[in-house]
PDB file of N, CA and C in Angstrom:
ATOM      1  N   MET A   1     -25.228  30.607 -44.778  1.00  0.00           N
ATOM      2  CA  MET A   1     -23.946  29.689 -44.704  1.00  0.00           C
ATOM      3  C   MET A   1     -24.698  28.325 -43.323  1.00  0.00           C
ATOM      4  N   TYR A   2     -23.900  29.418 -42.769  1.00  0.00           N
ATOM      5  CA  TYR A   2     -24.089  28.576 -40.594  1.00  0.00           C
ATOM      6  C   TYR A   2     -25.803  28.181 -40.765  1.00  0.00           C
ATOM      7  N   HIS A   3     -26.252  28.098 -40.802  1.00  0.00           N
ATOM      8  CA  HIS A   3     -27.881  27.499 -40.578  1.00  0.00           C
ATOM      9  C   HIS A   3     -27.552  26.263 -42.455  1.00  0.00           C
ATOM     10  N   LYS A   4     -27.167  26.583 -42.800  1.00  0.00           N
ATOM     11  CA  LYS A   4     -26.798  25.920 -44.211  1.00  0.00           C
ATOM     12  C   LYS A   4     -26.397  24.559 -43.814  1.00  0.00           C
ATOM     13  N   GLU A   5     -24.734  24.650 -42.700  1.00  0.00           N
ATOM     14  CA  GLU A   5     -24.141  23.771 -42.804  1.00  0.00           C
ATOM     15  C   GLU A   5     -24.656  22.750 -41.021  1.00  0.00           C
ATOM     16  N   LEU A   6     -25.959  23.013 -40.627  1.00  0.00           N
ATOM     17  CA  LEU A   6     -26.522  22.976 -39.542  1.00  0.00           C
ATOM     18  C   LEU A   6     -27.612  21.290 -39.880  1.00  0.00           C
ATOM     19  N   ASN A   7     -27.531  22.429 -41.130  1.00  0.00           N
ATOM     20  CA  ASN A   7     -28.942  20.646 -41.802  1.00  0.00           C
ATOM     21  C   ASN A   7     -28.470  20.259 -42.334  1.00  0.00           C
ATOM     22  N   GLU A   8     -27.380  19.973 -42.586  1.00  0.00           N
ATOM     23  CA  GLU A   8     -26.102  18.750 -43.345  1.00  0.00           C
ATOM     24  C   GLU A   8     -26.025  18.423 -42.309  1.00  0.00           C
ATOM     25  N   CYS A   9     -25.337  18.789 -41.221  1.00  0.00           N
ATOM     26  CA  CYS A   9     -25.253  18.106 -40.351  1.00  0.00           C
ATOM     27  C   CYS A   9     -26.066  16.714 -39.451  1.00  0.00           C
ATOM     28  N   LEU A  10     -25.846  15.646 -39.178  1.00  0.00           N
ATOM     29  CA  LEU A  10     -26.821  13.725 -39.322  1.00  0.00           C
ATOM     30  C   LEU A  10     -26.336  14.153 -38.287  1.00  0.00           C
ATOM     31  N   PHE A  11     -25.778  14.315 -37.063  1.00  0.00           N
ATOM     32  CA  PHE A  11     -25.688  14.212 -35.609  1.00  0.00           C
ATOM     33  C   PHE A  11     -26.226  14.895 -34.668  1.00  0.00           C
ATOM     34  N   GLN A  12     -27.014  14.296 -34.089  1.00  0.00           N
ATOM     35  CA  GLN A  12     -28.127  14.807 -33.174  1.00  0.00           C
ATOM     36  C   GLN A  12     -28.099  14.209 -31.707  1.00  0.00           C
ATOM     37  N   PRO A  13     -27.365  15.322 -30.874  1.00  0.00           N
ATOM     38  CA  PRO A  13     -26.528  13.920 -29.272  1.00  0.00           C
ATOM     39  C   PRO A  13     -27.850  14.447 -28.557  1.00  0.00           C
ATOM     40  N   LYS A  14     -28.657  13.253 -27.820  1.00  0.00           N
ATOM     41  CA  LYS A  14     -28.856  13.570 -27.289  1.00  0.00           C
ATOM     42  C   LYS A  14     -28.612  13.097 -25.590  1.00  0.00           C
ATOM     43  N   LEU A  15     -28.866  14.671 -25.005  1.00  0.00           N
ATOM     44  CA  LEU A  15     -28.256  14.421 -23.920  1.00  0.00           C
ATOM     45  C   LEU A  15     -29.477  13.682 -22.639  1.00  0.00           C
ATOM     46  N   ILE A  16     -28.659  13.384 -21.404  1.00  0.00           N
ATOM     47  CA  ILE A  16     -29.521  12.567 -20.704  1.00  0.00           C
ATOM     48  C   ILE A  16     -28.941  13.695 -18.913  1.00  0.00           C
ATOM     49  N   ALA A  17     -29.793  13.782 -18.504  1.00  0.00           N
ATOM     50  CA  ALA A  17     -29.953  14.050 -16.850  1.00  0.00           C
ATOM     51  C   ALA A  17     -28.606  14.350 -16.487  1.00  0.00           C
ATOM     52  N   LYS A  18     -28.248  14.162 -15.342  1.00  0.00           N
ATOM     53  CA  LYS A  18     -26.947  13.518 -14.156  1.00  0.00           C
ATOM     54  C   LYS A  18     -27.807  13.627 -13.480  1.00  0.00           C
ATOM     55  N   LYS A  19     -27.853  11.916 -12.865  1.00  0.00           N
ATOM     56  CA  LYS A  19     -27.984  11.218 -11.003  1.00  0.00           C
ATOM     57  C   LYS A  19     -28.162  12.266 -10.315  1.00  0.00           C
ATOM     58  N   LYS A  20     -27.728  12.561  -9.170  1.00  0.00           N
ATOM     59  CA  LYS A  20     -27.201  13.668  -8.305  1.00  0.00           C
ATOM     60  C   LYS A  20     -26.985  12.281  -7.351  1.00  0.00           C
ATOM     61  N   PRO A  21     -25.193  12.564  -7.045  1.00  0.00           N
ATOM     62  CA  PRO A  21     -24.678  11.436  -6.625  1.00  0.00           C
ATOM     63  C   PRO A  21     -25.296  11.170  -5.243  1.00  0.00           C
ATOM     64  N   GLU A  22     -25.162  10.327  -4.275  1.00  0.00           N
ATOM     65  CA  GLU A  22     -25.521   9.397  -3.283  1.00  0.00           C
ATOM     66  C   GLU A  22     -24.733   9.738  -2.491  1.00  0.00           C
ATOM     67  N   PRO A  23     -25.026   9.485  -0.910  1.00  0.00           N
ATOM     68  CA  PRO A  23     -23.996  10.210  -0.383  1.00  0.00           C
ATOM     69  C   PRO A  23     -23.252   8.797   0.215  1.00  0.00           C
ATOM     70  N   TYR A  24     -22.444   9.016   0.967  1.00  0.00           N
ATOM     71  CA  TYR A  24     -21.049   7.488   0.360  1.00  0.00           C
ATOM     72  C   TYR A  24     -22.194   6.805   1.807  1.00  0.00           C
ATOM     73  N   ASN A  25     -22.228   5.784   1.457  1.00  0.00           N
ATOM     74  CA  ASN A  25     -22.851   5.027   2.417  1.00  0.00           C
ATOM     75  C   ASN A  25     -22.313   3.377   2.840  1.00  0.00           C
ATOM     76  N   ASP A  26     -21.243   3.186   2.868  1.00  0.00           N
ATOM     77  CA  ASP A  26     -20.214   1.567   3.297  1.00  0.00           C
ATOM     78  C   ASP A  26     -20.922   0.355   4.208  1.00  0.00           C
ATOM     79  N   ALA A  27     -22.070   0.771   5.134  1.00  0.00           N
ATOM     80  CA  ALA A  27     -22.209  -0.189   5.640  1.00  0.00           C
ATOM     81  C   ALA A  27     -24.123  -0.117   5.350  1.00  0.00           C
ATOM     82  N   GLY A  28     -24.412   0.674   5.220  1.00  0.00           N
ATOM     83  CA  GLY A  28     -26.376   0.476   4.313  1.00  0.00           C
ATOM     84  C   GLY A  28     -26.712   1.309   5.994  1.00  0.00           C
ATOM     85  N   GLY A  29     -26.356   1.896   6.418  1.00  0.00           N
ATOM     86  CA  GLY A  29     -26.876   2.125   7.922  1.00  0.00           C
ATOM     87  C   GLY A  29     -27.593   3.853   7.344  1.00  0.00           C
ATOM     88  N   ASP A  30     -27.660   4.166   8.124  1.00  0.00           N
ATOM     89  CA  ASP A  30     -28.458   6.040   7.322  1.00  0.00           C
ATOM     90  C   ASP A  30     -27.330   6.643   8.851  1.00  0.00           C
ATOM     91  N   GLU A  31     -27.177   6.481   9.578  1.00  0.00           N
ATOM     92  CA  GLU A  31     -25.837   7.193  10.620  1.00  0.00           C
ATOM     93  C   GLU A  31     -24.675   8.058   9.871  1.00  0.00           C
ATOM     94  N   GLU A  32     -24.929   6.271   8.847  1.00  0.00           N
ATOM     95  CA  GLU A  32     -23.296   7.362   8.363  1.00  0.00           C
ATOM     96  C   GLU A  32     -23.399   8.340   7.009  1.00  0.00           C
ATOM     97  N   ILE A  33     -24.915   8.502   6.387  1.00  0.00           N
ATOM     98  CA  ILE A  33     -24.896   9.248   5.800  1.00  0.00           C
ATOM     99  C   ILE A  33     -24.978  11.213   6.580  1.00  0.00           C
ATOM    100  N   ASN A  34     -25.434  10.706   7.817  1.00  0.00           N
ATOM    101  CA  ASN A  34     -24.838  12.319   8.347  1.00  0.00           C
ATOM    102  C   ASN A  34     -23.673  12.711   8.347  1.00  0.00           C
ATOM    103  N   GLN A  35     -22.824  11.453   8.651  1.00  0.00           N
ATOM    104  CA  GLN A  35     -21.171  12.035   8.633  1.00  0.00           C
ATOM    105  C   GLN A  35     -20.684  12.557   8.376  1.00  0.00           C
ATOM    106  N   PRO A  36     -19.581  13.216   8.498  1.00  0.00           N
ATOM    107  CA  PRO A  36     -18.693  14.080   7.537  1.00  0.00           C
ATOM    108  C   PRO A  36     -18.067  13.561   6.931  1.00  0.00           C
ATOM    109  N   ARG A  37     -18.033  13.044   5.321  1.00  0.00           N
ATOM    110  CA  ARG A  37     -17.792  13.120   4.324  1.00  0.00           C
ATOM    111  C   ARG A  37     -16.113  11.691   4.357  1.00  0.00           C
ATOM    112  N   PHE A  38     -14.996  12.512   4.946  1.00  0.00           N
ATOM    113  CA  PHE A  38     -13.441  12.311   5.734  1.00  0.00           C
ATOM    114  C   PHE A  38     -13.708  11.278   7.342  1.00  0.00           C
ATOM    115  N   SER A  39     -14.399  11.235   8.214  1.00  0.00           N
ATOM    116  CA  SER A  39     -14.389  10.509   9.181  1.00  0.00           C
ATOM    117  C   SER A  39     -14.600   9.484   8.536  1.00  0.00           C
ATOM    118  N   THR A  40     -15.760   9.650   8.511  1.00  0.00           N
ATOM    119  CA  THR A  40     -16.124   7.939   6.787  1.00  0.00           C
ATOM    120  C   THR A  40     -14.634   7.334   6.821  1.00  0.00           C
ATOM    121  N   LEU A  41     -14.409   8.320   5.304  1.00  0.00           N
ATOM    122  CA  LEU A  41     -13.123   7.916   5.061  1.00  0.00           C
ATOM    123  C   LEU A  41     -12.397   7.302   5.808  1.00  0.00           C
ATOM    124  N   TYR A  42     -11.389   8.255   6.836  1.00  0.00           N
ATOM    125  CA  TYR A  42     -10.924   7.413   8.442  1.00  0.00           C
ATOM    126  C   TYR A  42     -11.478   6.797   8.440  1.00  0.00           C
ATOM    127  N   GLU A  43     -12.725   6.615   9.018  1.00  0.00           N
ATOM    128  CA  GLU A  43     -12.336   5.151   9.988  1.00  0.00           C
ATOM    129  C   GLU A  43     -12.638   4.036   8.872  1.00  0.00           C
ATOM    130  N   ASP A  44     -12.749   4.152   7.487  1.00  0.00           N
ATOM    131  CA  ASP A  44     -12.465   3.605   6.996  1.00  0.00           C
ATOM    132  C   ASP A  44     -11.112   2.316   6.082  1.00  0.00           C
ATOM    133  N   ALA A  45      -9.735   3.530   6.674  1.00  0.00           N
ATOM    134  CA  ALA A  45      -9.041   3.615   6.287  1.00  0.00           C
ATOM    135  C   ALA A  45      -8.529   2.939   7.413  1.00  0.00           C
ATOM    136  N   LYS A  46      -8.539   3.400   8.631  1.00  0.00           N
ATOM    137  CA  LYS A  46      -8.018   2.422  10.029  1.00  0.00           C
ATOM    138  C   LYS A  46      -9.038   0.915  10.282  1.00  0.00           C
ATOM    139  N   LYS A  47      -9.966   0.566   9.462  1.00  0.00           N
ATOM    140  CA  LYS A  47     -10.763  -0.692   9.384  1.00  0.00           C
ATOM    141  C   LYS A  47      -9.537  -1.337   8.611  1.00  0.00           C
ATOM    142  N   ARG A  48      -8.864  -0.784   7.195  1.00  0.00           N
ATOM    143  CA  ARG A  48      -8.325  -1.266   5.613  1.00  0.00           C
ATOM    144  C   ARG A  48      -7.203  -2.217   6.818  1.00  0.00           C
ATOM    145  N   GLN A  49      -6.464  -0.730   7.709  1.00  0.00           N
ATOM    146  CA  GLN A  49      -5.360  -1.070   8.214  1.00  0.00           C
ATOM    147  C   GLN A  49      -4.518  -2.013   9.251  1.00  0.00           C
ATOM    148  N   GLU A  50      -5.490  -2.647  10.019  1.00  0.00           N
ATOM    149  CA  GLU A  50      -6.417  -2.946  11.283  1.00  0.00           C
ATOM    150  C   GLU A  50      -6.192  -4.315  10.655  1.00  0.00           C
ATOM    151  N   ARG A  51      -7.046  -4.220   9.398  1.00  0.00           N
ATOM    152  CA  ARG A  51      -7.471  -5.670   8.816  1.00  0.00           C
ATOM    153  C   ARG A  51      -5.398  -6.343   7.657  1.00  0.00           C
ATOM    154  N   GLN A  52      -5.044  -5.338   7.446  1.00  0.00           N
ATOM    155  CA  GLN A  52      -3.085  -6.048   6.747  1.00  0.00           C
ATOM    156  C   GLN A  52      -2.521  -5.806   7.713  1.00  0.00           C
ATOM    157  N   ALA A  53      -2.826  -5.598   8.796  1.00  0.00           N
ATOM    158  CA  ALA A  53      -2.422  -5.739  10.476  1.00  0.00           C
ATOM    159  C   ALA A  53      -2.610  -7.578  10.486  1.00  0.00           C
ATOM    160  N   LYS A  54      -3.627  -8.035  10.548  1.00  0.00           N
ATOM    161  CA  LYS A  54      -4.159  -8.545  10.837  1.00  0.00           C
ATOM    162  C   LYS A  54      -3.457 -10.395  10.030  1.00  0.00           C
ATOM    163  N   LEU A  55      -3.499  -9.710   8.428  1.00  0.00           N
ATOM    164  CA  LEU A  55      -2.488 -10.590   7.313  1.00  0.00           C
ATOM    165  C   LEU A  55      -2.020 -10.727   6.367  1.00  0.00           C
ATOM    166  N   ALA A  56      -1.854  -9.474   7.330  1.00  0.00           N
ATOM    167  CA  ALA A  56       0.370  -9.862   7.691  1.00  0.00           C
ATOM    168  C   ALA A  56       1.097 -10.821   8.898  1.00  0.00           C
ATOM    169  N   GLU A  57      -0.020 -10.800   9.435  1.00  0.00           N
ATOM    170  CA  GLU A  57       0.897 -11.079  10.617  1.00  0.00           C
ATOM    171  C   GLU A  57       0.742 -12.736  10.348  1.00  0.00           C
ATOM    172  N   ALA A  58      -0.697 -13.359  10.065  1.00  0.00           N
ATOM    173  CA  ALA A  58      -1.311 -14.226   9.692  1.00  0.00           C
ATOM    174  C   ALA A  58       0.375 -15.070   8.864  1.00  0.00           C
ATOM    175  N   MET A  59       0.224 -14.359   6.982  1.00  0.00           N
ATOM    176  CA  MET A  59       1.398 -15.011   6.808  1.00  0.00           C
ATOM    177  C   MET A  59       2.770 -15.179   7.338  1.00  0.00           C
ATOM    178  N   LEU A  60       3.254 -14.503   8.024  1.00  0.00           N
ATOM    179  CA  LEU A  60       4.124 -14.657   8.614  1.00  0.00           C
ATOM    180  C   LEU A  60       4.799 -15.610  10.219  1.00  0.00           C
ATOM    181  N   ASP A  61       3.185 -15.869  10.397  1.00  0.00           N
ATOM    182  CA  ASP A  61       3.293 -17.016  11.140  1.00  0.00           C
ATOM    183  C   ASP A  61       3.292 -18.280  10.451  1.00  0.00           C
ATOM    184  N   ASN A  62       2.838 -18.420   9.199  1.00  0.00           N
ATOM    185  CA  ASN A  62       2.077 -19.336   8.379  1.00  0.00           C
ATOM    186  C   ASN A  62       3.802 -19.214   7.300  1.00  0.00           C
ATOM    187  N   GLN A  63       4.854 -18.121   6.693  1.00  0.00           N
ATOM    188  CA  GLN A  63       6.239 -18.304   6.737  1.00  0.00           C
ATOM    189  C   GLN A  63       6.486 -19.139   7.679  1.00  0.00           C
ATOM    190  N   CYS A  64       7.596 -18.613   8.914  1.00  0.00           N
ATOM    191  CA  CYS A  64       7.555 -19.559   9.736  1.00  0.00           C
ATOM    192  C   CYS A  64       7.821 -20.877   9.757  1.00  0.00           C
ATOM    193  N   THR A  65       8.170 -21.493   9.912  1.00  0.00           N
ATOM    194  CA  THR A  65       8.323 -23.022   9.837  1.00  0.00           C
ATOM    195  C   THR A  65       8.752 -22.943  11.358  1.00  0.00           C
ATOM    196  N   PHE A  66      10.260 -22.711  11.137  1.00  0.00           N
ATOM    197  CA  PHE A  66      11.240 -23.265  11.948  1.00  0.00           C
ATOM    198  C   PHE A  66      11.438 -23.049  13.433  1.00  0.00           C
ATOM    199  N   LYS A  67      10.416 -23.597  14.783  1.00  0.00           N
ATOM    200  CA  LYS A  67      10.227 -23.535  16.085  1.00  0.00           C
ATOM    201  C   LYS A  67      11.538 -24.224  16.718  1.00  0.00           C
ATOM    202  N   PRO A  68      12.543 -23.656  17.012  1.00  0.00           N
ATOM    203  CA  PRO A  68      13.437 -24.415  17.669  1.00  0.00           C
ATOM    204  C   PRO A  68      13.292 -24.606  19.015  1.00  0.00           C
ATOM    205  N   ASP A  69      14.070 -25.855  19.808  1.00  0.00           N
ATOM    206  CA  ASP A  69      13.690 -25.721  20.868  1.00  0.00           C
ATOM    207  C   ASP A  69      14.147 -25.760  21.830  1.00  0.00           C
ATOM    208  N   THR A  70      13.757 -25.016  22.895  1.00  0.00           N
ATOM    209  CA  THR A  70      15.062 -23.959  23.762  1.00  0.00           C
ATOM    210  C   THR A  70      14.889 -24.798  25.760  1.00  0.00           C
ATOM    211  N   SER A  71      13.718 -26.090  25.442  1.00  0.00           N
ATOM    212  CA  SER A  71      14.013 -27.305  26.000  1.00  0.00           C
ATOM    213  C   SER A  71      15.665 -27.901  27.029  1.00  0.00           C
ATOM    214  N   ALA A  72      16.142 -27.835  26.222  1.00  0.00           N
ATOM    215  CA  ALA A  72      17.674 -27.972  26.965  1.00  0.00           C
ATOM    216  C   ALA A  72      18.232 -26.792  27.237  1.00  0.00           C
ATOM    217  N   THR A  73      17.757 -25.546  26.313  1.00  0.00           N
ATOM    218  CA  THR A  73      18.509 -24.517  27.832  1.00  0.00           C
ATOM    219  C   THR A  73      18.622 -24.798  28.132  1.00  0.00           C
ATOM    220  N   LYS A  74      17.178 -24.873  28.898  1.00  0.00           N
ATOM    221  CA  LYS A  74      15.690 -24.280  29.652  1.00  0.00           C
ATOM    222  C   LYS A  74      16.282 -25.057  31.013  1.00  0.00           C
ATOM    223  N   GLN A  75      16.746 -26.208  30.881  1.00  0.00           N
ATOM    224  CA  GLN A  75      16.906 -26.596  31.545  1.00  0.00           C
ATOM    225  C   GLN A  75      19.181 -26.687  32.232  1.00  0.00           C
ATOM    226  N   ARG A  76      19.289 -26.608  31.587  1.00  0.00           N
ATOM    227  CA  ARG A  76      20.670 -25.978  31.565  1.00  0.00           C
ATOM    228  C   ARG A  76      20.489 -24.699  32.148  1.00  0.00           C
ATOM    229  N   ASN A  77      19.243 -23.784  31.920  1.00  0.00           N
ATOM    230  CA  ASN A  77      20.026 -22.127  33.155  1.00  0.00           C
ATOM    231  C   ASN A  77      19.156 -22.724  34.352  1.00  0.00           C
ATOM    232  N   GLU A  78      17.771 -23.831  33.866  1.00  0.00           N
ATOM    233  CA  GLU A  78      17.505 -24.039  35.317  1.00  0.00           C
ATOM    234  C   GLU A  78      18.975 -25.189  36.829  1.00  0.00           C
ATOM    235  N   ARG A  79      19.404 -25.223  36.036  1.00  0.00           N
ATOM    236  CA  ARG A  79      20.832 -26.231  36.539  1.00  0.00           C
ATOM    237  C   ARG A  79      21.309 -24.944  37.267  1.00  0.00           C
ATOM    238  N   LEU A  80      21.399 -24.095  36.379  1.00  0.00           N
ATOM    239  CA  LEU A  80      22.706 -23.033  36.819  1.00  0.00           C
ATOM    240  C   LEU A  80      22.944 -22.272  37.841  1.00  0.00           C
ATOM    241  N   VAL A  81      21.153 -22.183  37.841  1.00  0.00           N
ATOM    242  CA  VAL A  81      20.268 -21.265  38.644  1.00  0.00           C
ATOM    243  C   VAL A  81      20.638 -22.292  40.284  1.00  0.00           C
ATOM    244  N   GLN A  82      19.960 -23.455  40.079  1.00  0.00           N
ATOM    245  CA  GLN A  82      19.954 -23.786  41.269  1.00  0.00           C
ATOM    246  C   GLN A  82      21.485 -23.775  42.177  1.00  0.00           C
ATOM    247  N   LYS A  83      22.568 -24.201  41.352  1.00  0.00           N
ATOM    248  CA  LYS A  83      23.789 -24.462  41.353  1.00  0.00           C
ATOM    249  C   LYS A  83      23.936 -22.933  42.084  1.00  0.00           C
ATOM    250  N   ASN A  84      24.196 -22.012  42.086  1.00  0.00           N
ATOM    251  CA  ASN A  84      24.240 -20.651  41.994  1.00  0.00           C
ATOM    252  C   ASN A  84      23.481 -20.333  43.413  1.00  0.00           C
ATOM    253  N   GLU A  85      22.603 -20.743  44.045  1.00  0.00           N
ATOM    254  CA  GLU A  85      21.811 -20.544  45.038  1.00  0.00           C
ATOM    255  C   GLU A  85      22.588 -21.473  46.095  1.00  0.00           C
ATOM    256  N   VAL A  86      22.716 -22.827  45.871  1.00  0.00           N
ATOM    257  CA  VAL A  86      23.700 -23.621  47.020  1.00  0.00           C
ATOM    258  C   VAL A  86      24.537 -23.132  47.368  1.00  0.00           C
ATOM    259  N   ASN A  87      25.115 -22.311  46.149  1.00  0.00           N
ATOM    260  CA  ASN A  87      27.124 -22.290  46.523  1.00  0.00           C
ATOM    261  C   ASN A  87      26.642 -20.833  47.658  1.00  0.00           C
ATOM    262  N   LEU A  88      25.934 -19.763  47.112  1.00  0.00           N
ATOM    263  CA  LEU A  88      25.679 -18.858  47.910  1.00  0.00           C
ATOM    264  C   LEU A  88      25.084 -18.944  48.868  1.00  0.00           C
ATOM    265  N   ALA A  89      24.089 -19.840  49.092  1.00  0.00           N
ATOM    266  CA  ALA A  89      24.277 -20.922  50.719  1.00  0.00           C
ATOM    267  C   ALA A  89      25.083 -21.176  51.282  1.00  0.00           C
ATOM    268  N   GLY A  90      25.744 -21.282  50.911  1.00  0.00           N
ATOM    269  CA  GLY A  90      27.436 -22.118  51.372  1.00  0.00           C
ATOM    270  C   GLY A  90      27.758 -21.773  51.609  1.00  0.00           C
ATOM    271  N   GLU A  91      28.003 -20.326  50.879  1.00  0.00           N
ATOM    272  CA  GLU A  91      29.156 -18.941  51.336  1.00  0.00           C
ATOM    273  C   GLU A  91      28.178 -17.847  53.096  1.00  0.00           C
ATOM    274  N   ALA A  92      27.098 -18.283  53.267  1.00  0.00           N
ATOM    275  CA  ALA A  92      26.275 -17.513  53.987  1.00  0.00           C
ATOM    276  C   ALA A  92      26.509 -18.046  55.496  1.00  0.00           C
ATOM    277  N   ARG A  93      26.372 -19.850  55.611  1.00  0.00           N
ATOM    278  CA  ARG A  93      27.204 -19.839  56.624  1.00  0.00           C
ATOM    279  C   ARG A  93      28.574 -19.927  57.466  1.00  0.00           C
TER     280      ARG A  93
END
């Protein structure tokens, strides 16, 4: 009975041999092939974080267009310092 069912079955799968996975090599050099997988992944994550930090900083600089004019405050502070120096010099006499 089992053989009869097998003979009636039209589906016959064709199996393909699996390829062996190639070692992870992002840069294309042979030096990374010998490096342990976790080290390669760690370095990759580190580079991604640095790249994301630079992008975030650039976006923040582009979004913050307000640049306050602090020259008036700087001039006022310089005058106050000069005035205090004159007062201290006058008291020392």
